[in-house]
Amino acid sequence: MFSLKTAFGRAAKGSFGPSTFWLLFFAIVILDDEQREEKERRKKRECASPAAQQRKRPSGPRPF
């Protein structure tokens, strides 16, 4: 029971370690950045794929 009281006492003070709010905030920022980068990578891979290059028609007149 003594350790439980000291743990709650430290939590009530608020002076130990980082806040849960800030830990969650930074976790969300990191995950958001990771999703954005993955979206950009996926877009680049899609544009560089052979199927995407075949879909593009050449500009200008068609040869006869």
PDB file of N, CA and C in Angstrom:
ATOM      1  N   MET A   1       0.817  -1.193   0.000  1.00  0.00           N
ATOM      2  CA  MET A   1       0.000   0.000   0.000  1.00  0.00           C
ATOM      3  C   MET A   1       0.863   1.259   0.000  1.00  0.00           C
ATOM      4  N   PHE A   2       2.023   1.174   0.609  1.00  0.00           N
ATOM      5  CA  PHE A   2       2.904   2.347   0.668  1.00  0.00           C
ATOM      6  C   PHE A   2       3.327   2.786  -0.737  1.00  0.00           C
ATOM      7  N   SER A   3       3.698   1.833  -1.594  1.00  0.00           N
ATOM      8  CA  SER A   3       4.145   2.198  -2.936  1.00  0.00           C
ATOM      9  C   SER A   3       3.014   2.796  -3.750  1.00  0.00           C
ATOM     10  N   LEU A   4       1.799   2.366  -3.511  1.00  0.00           N
ATOM     11  CA  LEU A   4       0.648   2.910  -4.212  1.00  0.00           C
ATOM     12  C   LEU A   4       0.438   4.374  -3.834  1.00  0.00           C
ATOM     13  N   LYS A   5       0.594   4.681  -2.543  1.00  0.00           N
ATOM     14  CA  LYS A   5       0.434   6.065  -2.091  1.00  0.00           C
ATOM     15  C   LYS A   5       1.513   6.959  -2.697  1.00  0.00           C
ATOM     16  N   THR A   6       2.749   6.492  -2.747  1.00  0.00           N
ATOM     17  CA  THR A   6       3.814   7.323  -3.317  1.00  0.00           C
ATOM     18  C   THR A   6       3.624   7.514  -4.815  1.00  0.00           C
ATOM     19  N   ALA A   7       3.130   6.487  -5.493  1.00  0.00           N
ATOM     20  CA  ALA A   7       2.896   6.620  -6.931  1.00  0.00           C
ATOM     21  C   ALA A   7       1.819   7.659  -7.208  1.00  0.00           C
ATOM     22  N   PHE A   8       0.734   7.614  -6.431  1.00  0.00           N
ATOM     23  CA  PHE A   8      -0.322   8.601  -6.624  1.00  0.00           C
ATOM     24  C   PHE A   8       0.144   9.990  -6.178  1.00  0.00           C
ATOM     25  N   GLY A   9       0.971  10.043  -5.162  1.00  0.00           N
ATOM     26  CA  GLY A   9       1.501  11.316  -4.708  1.00  0.00           C
ATOM     27  C   GLY A   9       2.360  11.979  -5.770  1.00  0.00           C
ATOM     28  N   ARG A  10       3.192  11.198  -6.431  1.00  0.00           N
ATOM     29  CA  ARG A  10       4.016  11.737  -7.524  1.00  0.00           C
ATOM     30  C   ARG A  10       3.153  12.197  -8.691  1.00  0.00           C
ATOM     31  N   ALA A  11       2.130  11.431  -9.005  1.00  0.00           N
ATOM     32  CA  ALA A  11       1.250  11.796 -10.111  1.00  0.00           C
ATOM     33  C   ALA A  11       0.478  13.073  -9.792  1.00  0.00           C
ATOM     34  N   ALA A  12       0.099  13.243  -8.541  1.00  0.00           N
ATOM     35  CA  ALA A  12      -0.637  14.441  -8.141  1.00  0.00           C
ATOM     36  C   ALA A  12       0.250  15.683  -8.220  1.00  0.00           C
ATOM     37  N   LYS A  13       1.525  15.528  -7.905  1.00  0.00           N
ATOM     38  CA  LYS A  13       2.448  16.660  -7.998  1.00  0.00           C
ATOM     39  C   LYS A  13       2.592  17.121  -9.444  1.00  0.00           C
ATOM     40  N   GLY A  14       2.678  16.176 -10.347  1.00  0.00           N
ATOM     41  CA  GLY A  14       2.839  16.518 -11.747  1.00  0.00           C
ATOM     42  C   GLY A  14       4.256  16.893 -12.117  1.00  0.00           C
ATOM     43  N   SER A  15       5.206  16.643 -11.252  1.00  0.00           N
ATOM     44  CA  SER A  15       6.569  17.068 -11.530  1.00  0.00           C
ATOM     45  C   SER A  15       7.472  15.931 -11.999  1.00  0.00           C
ATOM     46  N   PHE A  16       6.916  14.759 -12.227  1.00  0.00           N
ATOM     47  CA  PHE A  16       7.778  13.656 -12.648  1.00  0.00           C
ATOM     48  C   PHE A  16       7.512  13.315 -14.113  1.00  0.00           C
ATOM     49  N   GLY A  17       8.540  13.197 -14.885  1.00  0.00           N
ATOM     50  CA  GLY A  17       8.447  12.736 -16.269  1.00  0.00           C
ATOM     51  C   GLY A  17       7.570  13.589 -17.166  1.00  0.00           C
ATOM     52  N   PRO A  18       7.482  13.191 -18.432  1.00  0.00           N
ATOM     53  CA  PRO A  18       6.665  13.930 -19.397  1.00  0.00           C
ATOM     54  C   PRO A  18       5.172  13.691 -19.158  1.00  0.00           C
ATOM     55  N   SER A  19       4.396  14.642 -19.555  1.00  0.00           N
ATOM     56  CA  SER A  19       2.951  14.567 -19.402  1.00  0.00           C
ATOM     57  C   SER A  19       2.367  13.570 -20.411  1.00  0.00           C
ATOM     58  N   THR A  20       1.298  12.907 -20.029  1.00  0.00           N
ATOM     59  CA  THR A  20       0.630  11.965 -20.937  1.00  0.00           C
ATOM     60  C   THR A  20       0.105  12.695 -22.157  1.00  0.00           C
ATOM     61  N   PHE A  21      -0.389  13.910 -21.960  1.00  0.00           N
ATOM     62  CA  PHE A  21      -0.889  14.711 -23.070  1.00  0.00           C
ATOM     63  C   PHE A  21       0.187  14.913 -24.131  1.00  0.00           C
ATOM     64  N   TRP A  22       1.382  15.311 -23.694  1.00  0.00           N
ATOM     65  CA  TRP A  22       2.445  15.586 -24.653  1.00  0.00           C
ATOM     66  C   TRP A  22       2.946  14.301 -25.311  1.00  0.00           C
ATOM     67  N   LEU A  23       2.958  13.191 -24.582  1.00  0.00           N
ATOM     68  CA  LEU A  23       3.335  11.915 -25.186  1.00  0.00           C
ATOM     69  C   LEU A  23       2.354  11.539 -26.295  1.00  0.00           C
ATOM     70  N   LEU A  24       1.067  11.687 -26.031  1.00  0.00           N
ATOM     71  CA  LEU A  24       0.061  11.395 -27.055  1.00  0.00           C
ATOM     72  C   LEU A  24       0.170  12.362 -28.223  1.00  0.00           C
ATOM     73  N   PHE A  25       0.413  13.619 -27.927  1.00  0.00           N
ATOM     74  CA  PHE A  25       0.550  14.632 -28.973  1.00  0.00           C
ATOM     75  C   PHE A  25       1.692  14.275 -29.930  1.00  0.00           C
ATOM     76  N   PHE A  26       2.859  13.951 -29.378  1.00  0.00           N
ATOM     77  CA  PHE A  26       4.000  13.612 -30.225  1.00  0.00           C
ATOM     78  C   PHE A  26       3.780  12.299 -30.972  1.00  0.00           C
ATOM     79  N   ALA A  27       3.084  11.353 -30.365  1.00  0.00           N
ATOM     80  CA  ALA A  27       2.778  10.095 -31.059  1.00  0.00           C
ATOM     81  C   ALA A  27       1.885  10.359 -32.266  1.00  0.00           C
ATOM     82  N   ILE A  28       0.893  11.223 -32.110  1.00  0.00           N
ATOM     83  CA  ILE A  28      -0.002  11.547 -33.226  1.00  0.00           C
ATOM     84  C   ILE A  28       0.757  12.273 -34.322  1.00  0.00           C
ATOM     85  N   VAL A  29       1.642  13.191 -33.949  1.00  0.00           N
ATOM     86  CA  VAL A  29       2.438  13.924 -34.944  1.00  0.00           C
ATOM     87  C   VAL A  29       3.319  12.959 -35.736  1.00  0.00           C
ATOM     88  N   ILE A  30       3.951  12.025 -35.057  1.00  0.00           N
ATOM     89  CA  ILE A  30       4.828  11.061 -35.729  1.00  0.00           C
ATOM     90  C   ILE A  30       4.030  10.171 -36.669  1.00  0.00           C
ATOM     91  N   LEU A  31       2.885   9.681 -36.224  1.00  0.00           N
ATOM     92  CA  LEU A  31       2.063   8.816 -37.071  1.00  0.00           C
ATOM     93  C   LEU A  31       1.525   9.576 -38.275  1.00  0.00           C
ATOM     94  N   ASP A  32       1.132  10.827 -38.091  1.00  0.00           N
ATOM     95  CA  ASP A  32       0.621  11.635 -39.196  1.00  0.00           C
ATOM     96  C   ASP A  32       1.704  11.863 -40.244  1.00  0.00           C
ATOM     97  N   ASP A  33       2.909  12.154 -39.784  1.00  0.00           N
ATOM     98  CA  ASP A  33       4.033  12.368 -40.695  1.00  0.00           C
ATOM     99  C   ASP A  33       4.350  11.086 -41.465  1.00  0.00           C
ATOM    100  N   GLU A  34       4.294   9.954 -40.778  1.00  0.00           N
ATOM    101  CA  GLU A  34       4.570   8.674 -41.424  1.00  0.00           C
ATOM    102  C   GLU A  34       3.534   8.366 -42.504  1.00  0.00           C
ATOM    103  N   GLN A  35       2.266   8.649 -42.226  1.00  0.00           N
ATOM    104  CA  GLN A  35       1.212   8.409 -43.208  1.00  0.00           C
ATOM    105  C   GLN A  35       1.383   9.308 -44.428  1.00  0.00           C
ATOM    106  N   ARG A  36       1.767  10.576 -44.192  1.00  0.00           N
ATOM    107  CA  ARG A  36       1.970  11.506 -45.307  1.00  0.00           C
ATOM    108  C   ARG A  36       3.117  11.039 -46.203  1.00  0.00           C
ATOM    109  N   GLU A  37       4.218  10.616 -45.583  1.00  0.00           N
ATOM    110  CA  GLU A  37       5.360  10.133 -46.355  1.00  0.00           C
ATOM    111  C   GLU A  37       5.013   8.864 -47.128  1.00  0.00           C
ATOM    112  N   GLU A  38       4.253   7.960 -46.529  1.00  0.00           N
ATOM    113  CA  GLU A  38       3.851   6.731 -47.200  1.00  0.00           C
ATOM    114  C   GLU A  38       2.955   7.049 -48.395  1.00  0.00           C
ATOM    115  N   LYS A  39       2.093   8.025 -48.244  1.00  0.00           N
ATOM    116  CA  LYS A  39       1.209   8.438 -49.344  1.00  0.00           C
ATOM    117  C   LYS A  39       2.032   8.983 -50.512  1.00  0.00           C
ATOM    118  N   GLU A  40       3.053   9.790 -50.201  1.00  0.00           N
ATOM    119  CA  GLU A  40       3.919  10.332 -51.250  1.00  0.00           C
ATOM    120  C   GLU A  40       4.708   9.214 -51.935  1.00  0.00           C
ATOM    121  N   ARG A  41       5.233   8.251 -51.155  1.00  0.00           N
ATOM    122  CA  ARG A  41       5.974   7.127 -51.736  1.00  0.00           C
ATOM    123  C   ARG A  41       5.086   6.300 -52.657  1.00  0.00           C
ATOM    124  N   ARG A  42       3.853   6.043 -52.208  1.00  0.00           N
ATOM    125  CA  ARG A  42       2.915   5.257 -53.007  1.00  0.00           C
ATOM    126  C   ARG A  42       2.606   5.969 -54.329  1.00  0.00           C
ATOM    127  N   LYS A  43       2.463   7.293 -54.261  1.00  0.00           N
ATOM    128  CA  LYS A  43       2.171   8.085 -55.457  1.00  0.00           C
ATOM    129  C   LYS A  43       3.344   8.014 -56.444  1.00  0.00           C
ATOM    130  N   LYS A  44       4.578   8.111 -55.935  1.00  0.00           N
ATOM    131  CA  LYS A  44       5.758   8.034 -56.796  1.00  0.00           C
ATOM    132  C   LYS A  44       5.881   6.654 -57.436  1.00  0.00           C
ATOM    133  N   ARG A  45       5.624   5.594 -56.632  1.00  0.00           N
ATOM    134  CA  ARG A  45       5.699   4.234 -57.174  1.00  0.00           C
ATOM    135  C   ARG A  45       4.659   4.020 -58.260  1.00  0.00           C
ATOM    136  N   GLU A  46       3.470   4.577 -58.063  1.00  0.00           N
ATOM    137  CA  GLU A  46       2.406   4.410 -59.041  1.00  0.00           C
ATOM    138  C   GLU A  46       2.768   5.098 -60.353  1.00  0.00           C
ATOM    139  N   CYS A  47       3.356   6.276 -60.275  1.00  0.00           N
ATOM    140  CA  CYS A  47       3.740   7.011 -61.477  1.00  0.00           C
ATOM    141  C   CYS A  47       4.896   6.335 -62.208  1.00  0.00           C
ATOM    142  N   ALA A  48       5.768   5.656 -61.479  1.00  0.00           N
ATOM    143  CA  ALA A  48       6.934   5.030 -62.079  1.00  0.00           C
ATOM    144  C   ALA A  48       6.663   3.609 -62.567  1.00  0.00           C
ATOM    145  N   SER A  49       5.483   3.076 -62.303  1.00  0.00           N
ATOM    146  CA  SER A  49       5.200   1.696 -62.700  1.00  0.00           C
ATOM    147  C   SER A  49       5.052   1.594 -64.215  1.00  0.00           C
ATOM    148  N   PRO A  50       5.390   0.452 -64.800  1.00  0.00           N
ATOM    149  CA  PRO A  50       5.269   0.288 -66.259  1.00  0.00           C
ATOM    150  C   PRO A  50       3.830   0.439 -66.752  1.00  0.00           C
ATOM    151  N   ALA A  51       2.863   0.013 -65.964  1.00  0.00           N
ATOM    152  CA  ALA A  51       1.468   0.137 -66.377  1.00  0.00           C
ATOM    153  C   ALA A  51       1.067   1.606 -66.501  1.00  0.00           C
ATOM    154  N   ALA A  52       1.555   2.436 -65.618  1.00  0.00           N
ATOM    155  CA  ALA A  52       1.235   3.860 -65.671  1.00  0.00           C
ATOM    156  C   ALA A  52       1.905   4.514 -66.874  1.00  0.00           C
ATOM    157  N   GLN A  53       3.089   4.057 -67.228  1.00  0.00           N
ATOM    158  CA  GLN A  53       3.781   4.630 -68.375  1.00  0.00           C
ATOM    159  C   GLN A  53       3.115   4.219 -69.682  1.00  0.00           C
ATOM    160  N   GLN A  54       2.524   3.035 -69.743  1.00  0.00           N
ATOM    161  CA  GLN A  54       1.837   2.603 -70.948  1.00  0.00           C
ATOM    162  C   GLN A  54       0.536   3.354 -71.151  1.00  0.00           C
ATOM    163  N   ARG A  55      -0.099   3.776 -70.083  1.00  0.00           N
ATOM    164  CA  ARG A  55      -1.357   4.491 -70.191  1.00  0.00           C
ATOM    165  C   ARG A  55      -1.176   5.877 -70.801  1.00  0.00           C
ATOM    166  N   LYS A  56       0.000   6.462 -70.648  1.00  0.00           N
ATOM    167  CA  LYS A  56       0.224   7.800 -71.175  1.00  0.00           C
ATOM    168  C   LYS A  56       0.347   7.756 -72.698  1.00  0.00           C
ATOM    169  N   ARG A  57      -0.390   8.619 -73.356  1.00  0.00           N
ATOM    170  CA  ARG A  57      -0.283   8.713 -74.813  1.00  0.00           C
ATOM    171  C   ARG A  57       0.739   9.792 -75.155  1.00  0.00           C
ATOM    172  N   PRO A  58       1.467   9.596 -76.193  1.00  0.00           N
ATOM    173  CA  PRO A  58       2.447  10.617 -76.565  1.00  0.00           C
ATOM    174  C   PRO A  58       1.745  11.868 -77.053  1.00  0.00           C
ATOM    175  N   SER A  59       2.352  13.006 -76.758  1.00  0.00           N
ATOM    176  CA  SER A  59       1.778  14.252 -77.233  1.00  0.00           C
ATOM    177  C   SER A  59       2.181  14.463 -78.687  1.00  0.00           C
ATOM    178  N   GLY A  60       1.352  15.127 -79.414  1.00  0.00           N
ATOM    179  CA  GLY A  60       1.636  15.396 -80.816  1.00  0.00           C
ATOM    180  C   GLY A  60       0.816  14.489 -81.731  1.00  0.00           C
ATOM    181  N   PRO A  61       1.035  14.648 -83.025  1.00  0.00           N
ATOM    182  CA  PRO A  61       0.246  13.850 -83.984  1.00  0.00           C
ATOM    183  C   PRO A  61       0.665  12.390 -83.999  1.00  0.00           C
ATOM    184  N   ARG A  62      -0.264  11.518 -84.329  1.00  0.00           N
ATOM    185  CA  ARG A  62       0.015  10.100 -84.421  1.00  0.00           C
ATOM    186  C   ARG A  62       0.684   9.775 -85.770  1.00  0.00           C
ATOM    187  N   PRO A  63       1.637   8.880 -85.762  1.00  0.00           N
ATOM    188  CA  PRO A  63       2.243   8.496 -87.055  1.00  0.00           C
ATOM    189  C   PRO A  63       1.300   7.590 -87.830  1.00  0.00           C
ATOM    190  N   PHE A  64       1.346   7.673 -89.157  1.00  0.00           N
ATOM    191  CA  PHE A  64       0.483   6.826 -90.015  1.00  0.00           C
ATOM    192  C   PHE A  64       1.165   5.576 -90.392  1.00  0.00           C
TER     193      PHE A  64
END
